[in-house]
Amino acid sequence: RFDEAIDTFARLRTDMERVLPADDRGILVARSDLALAYVNAGRYPEAISQYTQLVADYERVAGPKDSMTLWTRCSLGEAYLEAGQIAEGAELIEAATAVLEAMFGPDNPEVNRRREAIDEARTERRMAL
C-alpha cells in the first residue's frame, strides 16, 4: 500500500506543479507528504533526498527560522534516524527543536516528540552494540 501512496503523492505533486507556482506552499506540503510516504515504505535514501530539497526550498521561500522550515528539518532528521544514521538525525533535530522550543515553549508536544525520537534511537543503538 505504501507504493500506492507514493504513486498518488507523486501524481498529486506533478499535477500541482503544472498549475501552481513552484514556491506555492501547497506544493511544498505535497512534497513533504511524498517524503513521508518514502519513510513509511522504508525507502530512506529517497526520503532523505526529498526532505533535503524541501528544507532548501523552505529556507529560500520562507527563511531558515520559519516554523515549516524547522519542522521539515526535524522530518529530515527523523528520516536519518529511521535509516540508522543516528548522529546526523540527532544533530538536525536538536538544532531545529532548540529554535522551535524558543518559538512555542518547552512543553510543545511536537518538540517533545522529536526529542523522544532522538532518545529512543540512541537507546536502540546502544542496545544493538
N, C-alpha and C. Protein backbone atom coordinates (compact mmCIF):
# COMPACT_ATOMS: atom_id res chain seq x y z
N ARG A 1 0.81 -1.20 0.00
CA ARG A 1 0.00 0.00 0.00
C ARG A 1 0.85 1.26 0.00
N PHE A 2 2.07 1.16 0.56
CA PHE A 2 2.94 2.34 0.55
C PHE A 2 3.28 2.76 -0.87
N ASP A 3 3.47 1.76 -1.74
CA ASP A 3 3.78 2.10 -3.14
C ASP A 3 2.62 2.84 -3.79
N GLU A 4 1.39 2.46 -3.44
CA GLU A 4 0.23 3.18 -3.95
C GLU A 4 0.23 4.62 -3.46
N ALA A 5 0.53 4.80 -2.18
CA ALA A 5 0.58 6.15 -1.61
C ALA A 5 1.66 6.98 -2.30
N ILE A 6 2.81 6.37 -2.52
CA ILE A 6 3.89 7.09 -3.19
C ILE A 6 3.47 7.51 -4.59
N ASP A 7 2.86 6.60 -5.32
CA ASP A 7 2.37 6.93 -6.67
C ASP A 7 1.35 8.06 -6.63
N THR A 8 0.43 7.98 -5.68
CA THR A 8 -0.61 9.00 -5.56
C THR A 8 -0.01 10.36 -5.23
N PHE A 9 0.89 10.40 -4.25
CA PHE A 9 1.51 11.67 -3.87
C PHE A 9 2.38 12.22 -5.00
N ALA A 10 3.05 11.35 -5.72
CA ALA A 10 3.87 11.80 -6.85
C ALA A 10 3.00 12.40 -7.95
N ARG A 11 1.86 11.76 -8.23
CA ARG A 11 0.94 12.31 -9.24
C ARG A 11 0.35 13.64 -8.79
N LEU A 12 -0.02 13.71 -7.52
CA LEU A 12 -0.56 14.95 -6.97
C LEU A 12 0.47 16.08 -7.10
N ARG A 13 1.69 15.78 -6.74
CA ARG A 13 2.76 16.78 -6.85
C ARG A 13 2.90 17.25 -8.30
N THR A 14 2.93 16.32 -9.22
CA THR A 14 3.08 16.67 -10.64
C THR A 14 1.91 17.53 -11.10
N ASP A 15 0.70 17.16 -10.73
CA ASP A 15 -0.48 17.94 -11.11
C ASP A 15 -0.42 19.35 -10.52
N MET A 16 -0.04 19.45 -9.27
CA MET A 16 0.03 20.76 -8.62
C MET A 16 1.10 21.63 -9.27
N GLU A 17 2.24 21.02 -9.62
CA GLU A 17 3.32 21.78 -10.23
C GLU A 17 2.93 22.32 -11.61
N ARG A 18 1.97 21.67 -12.25
CA ARG A 18 1.50 22.14 -13.55
C ARG A 18 0.69 23.42 -13.45
N VAL A 19 -0.04 23.61 -12.34
CA VAL A 19 -0.98 24.73 -12.25
C VAL A 19 -0.61 25.79 -11.22
N LEU A 20 0.32 25.49 -10.34
CA LEU A 20 0.67 26.44 -9.28
C LEU A 20 2.12 26.90 -9.44
N PRO A 21 2.44 28.06 -8.88
CA PRO A 21 3.84 28.50 -8.89
C PRO A 21 4.71 27.52 -8.10
N ALA A 22 5.96 27.41 -8.49
CA ALA A 22 6.87 26.44 -7.88
C ALA A 22 7.02 26.63 -6.38
N ASP A 23 6.89 27.88 -5.91
CA ASP A 23 7.08 28.16 -4.49
C ASP A 23 5.80 28.10 -3.67
N ASP A 24 4.72 27.64 -4.27
CA ASP A 24 3.45 27.55 -3.56
C ASP A 24 3.58 26.58 -2.38
N ARG A 25 3.10 27.02 -1.22
CA ARG A 25 3.22 26.17 -0.02
C ARG A 25 2.46 24.86 -0.16
N GLY A 26 1.40 24.86 -0.93
CA GLY A 26 0.66 23.61 -1.16
C GLY A 26 1.53 22.57 -1.83
N ILE A 27 2.35 23.00 -2.77
CA ILE A 27 3.27 22.07 -3.44
C ILE A 27 4.31 21.57 -2.44
N LEU A 28 4.80 22.47 -1.60
CA LEU A 28 5.79 22.05 -0.60
C LEU A 28 5.19 21.02 0.36
N VAL A 29 3.94 21.22 0.74
CA VAL A 29 3.27 20.26 1.63
C VAL A 29 3.08 18.93 0.91
N ALA A 30 2.70 18.96 -0.36
CA ALA A 30 2.54 17.72 -1.13
C ALA A 30 3.87 16.98 -1.23
N ARG A 31 4.95 17.71 -1.42
CA ARG A 31 6.27 17.09 -1.48
C ARG A 31 6.65 16.49 -0.13
N SER A 32 6.25 17.14 0.95
CA SER A 32 6.50 16.60 2.28
C SER A 32 5.73 15.30 2.50
N ASP A 33 4.49 15.27 2.02
CA ASP A 33 3.69 14.04 2.11
C ASP A 33 4.36 12.90 1.34
N LEU A 34 4.91 13.21 0.18
CA LEU A 34 5.62 12.21 -0.61
C LEU A 34 6.85 11.70 0.14
N ALA A 35 7.60 12.62 0.74
CA ALA A 35 8.79 12.22 1.51
C ALA A 35 8.41 11.31 2.68
N LEU A 36 7.32 11.64 3.37
CA LEU A 36 6.87 10.81 4.48
C LEU A 36 6.45 9.42 3.98
N ALA A 37 5.82 9.36 2.83
CA ALA A 37 5.45 8.07 2.26
C ALA A 37 6.71 7.24 1.98
N TYR A 38 7.76 7.88 1.51
CA TYR A 38 9.03 7.17 1.31
C TYR A 38 9.56 6.62 2.63
N VAL A 39 9.49 7.42 3.69
CA VAL A 39 9.94 6.94 5.01
C VAL A 39 9.12 5.73 5.42
N ASN A 40 7.80 5.84 5.32
CA ASN A 40 6.92 4.74 5.74
C ASN A 40 7.14 3.47 4.93
N ALA A 41 7.60 3.62 3.70
CA ALA A 41 7.88 2.46 2.84
C ALA A 41 9.29 1.93 3.06
N GLY A 42 10.05 2.59 3.93
CA GLY A 42 11.44 2.15 4.17
C GLY A 42 12.40 2.57 3.08
N ARG A 43 11.99 3.50 2.24
CA ARG A 43 12.83 3.98 1.14
C ARG A 43 13.55 5.25 1.60
N TYR A 44 14.48 5.05 2.54
CA TYR A 44 15.12 6.16 3.24
C TYR A 44 15.98 7.06 2.35
N PRO A 45 16.76 6.53 1.42
CA PRO A 45 17.54 7.44 0.57
C PRO A 45 16.65 8.42 -0.20
N GLU A 46 15.51 7.93 -0.70
CA GLU A 46 14.60 8.81 -1.42
C GLU A 46 13.95 9.82 -0.49
N ALA A 47 13.60 9.38 0.71
CA ALA A 47 13.01 10.30 1.69
C ALA A 47 14.01 11.39 2.07
N ILE A 48 15.24 10.98 2.33
CA ILE A 48 16.27 11.95 2.71
C ILE A 48 16.51 12.94 1.58
N SER A 49 16.55 12.46 0.37
CA SER A 49 16.73 13.35 -0.78
C SER A 49 15.58 14.35 -0.89
N GLN A 50 14.35 13.86 -0.76
CA GLN A 50 13.17 14.73 -0.82
C GLN A 50 13.20 15.78 0.29
N TYR A 51 13.44 15.34 1.51
CA TYR A 51 13.44 16.26 2.64
C TYR A 51 14.59 17.27 2.54
N THR A 52 15.75 16.83 2.06
CA THR A 52 16.88 17.74 1.90
C THR A 52 16.52 18.88 0.94
N GLN A 53 15.91 18.53 -0.18
CA GLN A 53 15.49 19.55 -1.14
C GLN A 53 14.39 20.43 -0.57
N LEU A 54 13.48 19.83 0.19
CA LEU A 54 12.40 20.61 0.81
C LEU A 54 12.94 21.63 1.80
N VAL A 55 13.90 21.22 2.62
CA VAL A 55 14.49 22.16 3.58
C VAL A 55 15.09 23.35 2.82
N ALA A 56 15.84 23.06 1.77
CA ALA A 56 16.45 24.14 0.98
C ALA A 56 15.38 25.05 0.38
N ASP A 57 14.30 24.46 -0.11
CA ASP A 57 13.23 25.26 -0.71
C ASP A 57 12.49 26.09 0.34
N TYR A 58 12.19 25.50 1.49
CA TYR A 58 11.54 26.27 2.56
C TYR A 58 12.44 27.41 3.02
N GLU A 59 13.75 27.15 3.13
CA GLU A 59 14.66 28.22 3.54
C GLU A 59 14.64 29.36 2.52
N ARG A 60 14.60 29.02 1.26
CA ARG A 60 14.58 30.03 0.20
C ARG A 60 13.27 30.80 0.20
N VAL A 61 12.15 30.09 0.37
CA VAL A 61 10.83 30.71 0.29
C VAL A 61 10.47 31.46 1.57
N ALA A 62 10.71 30.84 2.73
CA ALA A 62 10.21 31.39 3.99
C ALA A 62 11.31 31.80 4.97
N GLY A 63 12.53 31.35 4.74
CA GLY A 63 13.63 31.69 5.64
C GLY A 63 13.98 30.54 6.57
N PRO A 64 15.20 30.55 7.09
CA PRO A 64 15.68 29.44 7.92
C PRO A 64 15.01 29.33 9.29
N LYS A 65 14.39 30.39 9.77
CA LYS A 65 13.75 30.37 11.09
C LYS A 65 12.24 30.20 11.02
N ASP A 66 11.70 30.01 9.81
CA ASP A 66 10.27 29.77 9.65
C ASP A 66 9.92 28.42 10.27
N SER A 67 8.76 28.34 10.90
CA SER A 67 8.40 27.10 11.58
C SER A 67 8.31 25.91 10.62
N MET A 68 7.80 26.11 9.41
CA MET A 68 7.73 25.00 8.46
C MET A 68 9.12 24.54 8.03
N THR A 69 10.04 25.46 7.89
CA THR A 69 11.42 25.08 7.58
C THR A 69 11.96 24.21 8.71
N LEU A 70 11.72 24.64 9.94
CA LEU A 70 12.25 23.91 11.09
C LEU A 70 11.59 22.55 11.27
N TRP A 71 10.26 22.49 11.09
CA TRP A 71 9.59 21.19 11.20
C TRP A 71 10.06 20.24 10.10
N THR A 72 10.31 20.78 8.91
CA THR A 72 10.80 19.94 7.81
C THR A 72 12.21 19.47 8.10
N ARG A 73 13.01 20.32 8.73
CA ARG A 73 14.35 19.91 9.15
C ARG A 73 14.25 18.76 10.16
N CYS A 74 13.28 18.83 11.06
CA CYS A 74 13.04 17.73 12.00
C CYS A 74 12.66 16.45 11.26
N SER A 75 11.80 16.58 10.27
CA SER A 75 11.40 15.41 9.48
C SER A 75 12.59 14.80 8.76
N LEU A 76 13.47 15.65 8.25
CA LEU A 76 14.71 15.15 7.63
C LEU A 76 15.52 14.39 8.67
N GLY A 77 15.64 14.96 9.85
CA GLY A 77 16.37 14.28 10.92
C GLY A 77 15.75 12.94 11.27
N GLU A 78 14.43 12.88 11.31
CA GLU A 78 13.75 11.62 11.61
C GLU A 78 13.99 10.59 10.51
N ALA A 79 14.06 11.03 9.27
CA ALA A 79 14.37 10.10 8.17
C ALA A 79 15.77 9.52 8.37
N TYR A 80 16.71 10.37 8.77
CA TYR A 80 18.06 9.88 9.06
C TYR A 80 18.03 8.88 10.22
N LEU A 81 17.26 9.18 11.26
CA LEU A 81 17.16 8.24 12.38
C LEU A 81 16.63 6.89 11.91
N GLU A 82 15.57 6.92 11.11
CA GLU A 82 14.98 5.68 10.59
C GLU A 82 15.97 4.90 9.73
N ALA A 83 16.85 5.63 9.05
CA ALA A 83 17.85 4.99 8.19
C ALA A 83 19.05 4.49 9.00
N GLY A 84 19.01 4.71 10.32
CA GLY A 84 20.10 4.25 11.17
C GLY A 84 21.26 5.22 11.28
N GLN A 85 21.10 6.40 10.72
CA GLN A 85 22.14 7.42 10.78
C GLN A 85 21.83 8.35 11.96
N ILE A 86 22.08 7.82 13.15
CA ILE A 86 21.65 8.45 14.39
C ILE A 86 22.31 9.81 14.60
N ALA A 87 23.61 9.91 14.41
CA ALA A 87 24.31 11.18 14.67
C ALA A 87 23.78 12.29 13.77
N GLU A 88 23.62 11.99 12.49
CA GLU A 88 23.13 13.00 11.55
C GLU A 88 21.71 13.44 11.90
N GLY A 89 20.85 12.45 12.19
CA GLY A 89 19.47 12.76 12.52
C GLY A 89 19.34 13.55 13.81
N ALA A 90 20.08 13.12 14.83
CA ALA A 90 20.01 13.80 16.13
C ALA A 90 20.49 15.24 16.01
N GLU A 91 21.54 15.46 15.25
CA GLU A 91 22.07 16.82 15.09
C GLU A 91 21.04 17.75 14.45
N LEU A 92 20.39 17.27 13.39
CA LEU A 92 19.38 18.08 12.72
C LEU A 92 18.19 18.38 13.64
N ILE A 93 17.72 17.35 14.33
CA ILE A 93 16.55 17.53 15.19
C ILE A 93 16.88 18.42 16.37
N GLU A 94 18.02 18.22 16.99
CA GLU A 94 18.38 19.04 18.15
C GLU A 94 18.49 20.52 17.79
N ALA A 95 19.12 20.81 16.65
CA ALA A 95 19.26 22.21 16.24
C ALA A 95 17.89 22.84 15.96
N ALA A 96 17.04 22.12 15.26
CA ALA A 96 15.72 22.66 14.93
C ALA A 96 14.83 22.78 16.16
N THR A 97 14.86 21.78 17.04
CA THR A 97 13.98 21.84 18.21
C THR A 97 14.40 22.92 19.18
N ALA A 98 15.67 23.28 19.21
CA ALA A 98 16.10 24.38 20.08
C ALA A 98 15.41 25.68 19.67
N VAL A 99 15.34 25.92 18.38
CA VAL A 99 14.66 27.13 17.88
C VAL A 99 13.15 27.01 18.05
N LEU A 100 12.61 25.83 17.74
CA LEU A 100 11.17 25.62 17.88
C LEU A 100 10.72 25.77 19.35
N GLU A 101 11.54 25.31 20.26
CA GLU A 101 11.22 25.45 21.68
C GLU A 101 11.16 26.92 22.07
N ALA A 102 12.09 27.71 21.54
CA ALA A 102 12.07 29.15 21.82
C ALA A 102 10.80 29.79 21.25
N MET A 103 10.32 29.27 20.13
CA MET A 103 9.12 29.82 19.49
C MET A 103 7.84 29.38 20.19
N PHE A 104 7.76 28.10 20.55
CA PHE A 104 6.50 27.51 21.02
C PHE A 104 6.49 27.11 22.49
N GLY A 105 7.64 27.21 23.15
CA GLY A 105 7.72 26.86 24.56
C GLY A 105 8.20 25.44 24.78
N PRO A 106 8.70 25.18 25.98
CA PRO A 106 9.31 23.88 26.28
C PRO A 106 8.32 22.72 26.39
N ASP A 107 7.04 23.02 26.50
CA ASP A 107 6.04 21.96 26.66
C ASP A 107 5.32 21.62 25.37
N ASN A 108 5.80 22.13 24.25
CA ASN A 108 5.15 21.85 22.97
C ASN A 108 5.23 20.35 22.68
N PRO A 109 4.09 19.69 22.44
CA PRO A 109 4.12 18.24 22.26
C PRO A 109 4.92 17.78 21.04
N GLU A 110 4.92 18.56 19.97
CA GLU A 110 5.68 18.16 18.78
C GLU A 110 7.19 18.27 19.02
N VAL A 111 7.60 19.29 19.74
CA VAL A 111 9.02 19.42 20.08
C VAL A 111 9.43 18.24 20.96
N ASN A 112 8.61 17.95 21.95
CA ASN A 112 8.93 16.84 22.85
C ASN A 112 8.94 15.50 22.13
N ARG A 113 8.03 15.32 21.17
CA ARG A 113 8.01 14.07 20.41
C ARG A 113 9.31 13.89 19.64
N ARG A 114 9.81 14.97 19.06
CA ARG A 114 11.08 14.88 18.31
C ARG A 114 12.24 14.53 19.25
N ARG A 115 12.25 15.14 20.42
CA ARG A 115 13.31 14.81 21.39
C ARG A 115 13.23 13.36 21.83
N GLU A 116 12.03 12.87 22.04
CA GLU A 116 11.84 11.47 22.41
C GLU A 116 12.32 10.53 21.30
N ALA A 117 12.13 10.92 20.06
CA ALA A 117 12.60 10.11 18.93
C ALA A 117 14.12 9.98 18.96
N ILE A 118 14.80 11.07 19.29
CA ILE A 118 16.27 11.04 19.39
C ILE A 118 16.68 10.09 20.52
N ASP A 119 16.07 10.26 21.69
CA ASP A 119 16.41 9.41 22.84
C ASP A 119 16.17 7.94 22.53
N GLU A 120 15.04 7.64 21.89
CA GLU A 120 14.71 6.26 21.55
C GLU A 120 15.73 5.68 20.57
N ALA A 121 16.10 6.45 19.56
CA ALA A 121 17.06 5.96 18.56
C ALA A 121 18.43 5.72 19.21
N ARG A 122 18.83 6.61 20.08
CA ARG A 122 20.12 6.43 20.77
C ARG A 122 20.09 5.21 21.68
N THR A 123 18.97 4.99 22.37
CA THR A 123 18.84 3.83 23.25
C THR A 123 18.89 2.54 22.43
N GLU A 124 18.16 2.51 21.32
CA GLU A 124 18.17 1.32 20.46
C GLU A 124 19.57 1.04 19.92
N ARG A 125 20.27 2.09 19.59
CA ARG A 125 21.64 1.93 19.06
C ARG A 125 22.57 1.34 20.13
N ARG A 126 22.44 1.86 21.36
CA ARG A 126 23.28 1.33 22.46
C ARG A 126 22.96 -0.13 22.72
N MET A 127 21.70 -0.49 22.67
CA MET A 127 21.29 -1.87 22.92
C MET A 127 21.80 -2.81 21.83
N ALA A 128 21.92 -2.29 20.62
CA ALA A 128 22.37 -3.11 19.50
C ALA A 128 23.89 -3.36 19.54
N LEU A 129 24.59 -2.51 20.27
CA LEU A 129 26.06 -2.66 20.32
C LEU A 129 26.52 -3.73 21.24
